[in-house]
Protein backbone atom coordinates (compact mmCIF):
# COMPACT_ATOMS: atom_id res chain seq x y z
CA ALA A 1 -26.82 -14.70 -40.55
CA LEU A 2 -23.34 -13.56 -41.51
CA PHE A 3 -21.29 -11.78 -38.88
CA VAL A 4 -18.58 -9.44 -40.17
CA ASN A 5 -15.89 -8.14 -37.81
CA TYR A 6 -13.75 -5.41 -39.32
CA THR A 7 -10.63 -3.42 -38.51
CA SER A 8 -9.74 -0.50 -40.77
CA GLU A 9 -6.57 1.59 -40.63
CA LEU A 10 -7.82 3.85 -43.44
CA PRO A 11 -8.95 7.43 -42.62
CA ILE A 12 -11.86 7.24 -45.06
CA GLU A 13 -15.26 5.58 -44.89
CA LEU A 14 -15.65 2.32 -46.74
CA GLU A 15 -18.70 0.40 -47.92
CA LEU A 16 -18.80 -3.38 -47.91
CA HIS A 17 -20.91 -4.77 -50.77
CA THR A 18 -21.89 -8.44 -50.47
CA GLN A 19 -23.54 -10.71 -53.05
CA MET A 20 -24.67 -14.31 -52.96
CA MET A 21 -23.69 -15.95 -56.23
CA ASP A 22 -23.46 -19.10 -58.31
CA THR A 23 -19.73 -19.37 -59.00
CA LEU A 24 -20.20 -21.94 -61.76
CA THR A 25 -22.19 -19.56 -63.96
CA GLN A 26 -20.84 -16.31 -62.41
CA THR A 27 -24.45 -15.26 -61.73
CA ASP A 28 -25.33 -12.85 -58.90
CA LEU A 29 -28.37 -14.27 -57.12
CA THR A 30 -28.99 -11.55 -54.53
CA THR A 31 -27.31 -8.49 -53.07
CA PHE A 32 -27.27 -7.50 -49.41
CA ASP A 33 -27.60 -3.85 -48.36
CA PRO A 34 -24.16 -2.17 -48.22
CA VAL A 35 -22.46 -2.05 -44.80
CA LEU A 36 -20.67 1.12 -43.70
CA ILE A 37 -17.14 0.68 -42.32
CA THR A 38 -16.28 3.80 -40.36
CA ALA A 39 -13.14 5.80 -41.01
CA ALA A 40 -10.22 5.45 -38.63
CA PRO A 41 -9.91 8.57 -36.45
CA THR A 42 -7.13 11.02 -37.29
CA ASN A 43 -5.21 13.72 -35.45
CA GLU A 44 -4.99 17.34 -36.64
CA ALA A 45 -2.16 16.41 -39.01
CA GLY A 46 -4.45 13.88 -40.75
CA GLU A 47 -2.59 10.83 -39.43
CA VAL A 48 -4.52 7.79 -38.22
CA ILE A 49 -4.32 7.49 -34.43
CA ASN A 50 -6.27 4.24 -33.93
CA PRO A 51 -7.87 1.70 -36.25
CA ALA A 52 -11.66 1.72 -36.55
CA GLN A 53 -13.21 -1.54 -35.36
CA GLY A 54 -16.73 -2.87 -35.44
CA THR A 55 -19.07 -5.77 -36.02
CA THR A 56 -22.09 -5.92 -38.28
CA THR A 57 -24.64 -8.62 -39.03
CA LEU A 58 -26.06 -9.47 -42.44
CA THR A 59 -29.39 -11.19 -41.93
CA PHE A 60 -31.08 -13.40 -44.50
CA ALA A 61 -34.53 -12.33 -45.72
CA SER A 62 -36.62 -14.78 -47.77
CA GLU A 63 -34.89 -13.67 -51.00
CA GLU A 64 -31.45 -14.43 -49.52
CA ILE A 65 -32.65 -17.78 -48.16
CA ASP A 66 -33.88 -18.75 -51.64
CA ALA A 67 -30.49 -17.72 -53.05
CA LEU A 68 -28.75 -20.00 -50.51
CA LYS A 69 -30.46 -22.97 -52.19
CA LEU A 70 -29.00 -22.04 -55.59
CA GLY A 71 -25.71 -20.36 -54.71
CA ASN A 72 -22.35 -21.69 -53.72
CA GLY A 73 -20.38 -18.52 -53.06
CA ILE A 74 -20.38 -15.13 -51.41
CA ALA A 75 -18.54 -12.23 -53.06
CA MET A 76 -17.45 -9.17 -51.08
CA GLU A 77 -16.21 -5.87 -52.45
CA ILE A 78 -14.92 -2.85 -50.52
CA VAL A 79 -15.61 0.62 -51.98
CA ALA A 80 -13.90 3.79 -50.69
CA ASN A 81 -16.39 6.52 -49.85
CA SER A 82 -15.06 9.65 -48.13
CA THR A 83 -17.57 12.21 -46.85
CA ASP A 84 -14.85 14.56 -45.53
CA LYS A 85 -13.03 14.99 -48.84
CA GLU A 86 -13.78 18.71 -49.09
CA SER A 87 -13.02 19.74 -45.52
CA LYS A 88 -10.23 17.51 -44.21
CA ASN A 89 -6.87 16.26 -45.42
CA ALA A 90 -6.02 12.73 -44.37
CA LYS A 91 -2.84 10.74 -44.82
CA VAL A 92 -2.93 7.08 -45.81
CA ALA A 93 0.06 5.09 -44.56
CA GLY A 94 1.68 2.74 -47.04
CA ASP A 95 1.14 -0.20 -44.70
CA ALA A 96 -2.49 0.62 -43.79
CA SER A 97 -4.85 -2.32 -44.02
CA VAL A 98 -8.48 -3.39 -43.82
CA LYS A 99 -9.19 -6.75 -42.23
CA LEU A 100 -12.45 -8.67 -42.40
CA ASP A 101 -13.36 -11.71 -40.33
CA VAL A 102 -16.59 -13.37 -41.49
CA ALA A 103 -18.54 -16.06 -39.66
CA ALA A 104 -21.88 -17.70 -40.46
CA SER A 105 -24.67 -18.90 -38.21
CA ILE A 106 -27.02 -21.30 -39.98
CA LYS A 107 -30.01 -23.20 -38.65
CA ILE A 108 -31.22 -26.07 -40.82
CA ASP A 109 -34.61 -27.77 -40.51
CA LEU A 110 -34.61 -31.24 -42.06
CA ASP A 111 -37.85 -32.67 -43.44
CA GLU A 112 -38.28 -36.35 -42.70
């Protein structure tokens, strides 16, 4: 499993897209379901009052386990996705950031 801890200072929802890939051939081997990163809460003026924080787990189904045998890299992409765009004005600070901390937990069975 992959564990993703995030902190977002952006007042808009983000999606984290993750792919297992072969970096030598630039081939995508499998794609995980997108992970929603919640928007940082804002005050009535649209300014971020606290960063949004959370943890999510990407688990490996049989397709992802097969891709582990062939792949040597994991690519991550963040996509902005605001659902409040029509009803709420939000201000993005020039120094706002999104931080990801990724850890893996792997169990290996060795055949003798």
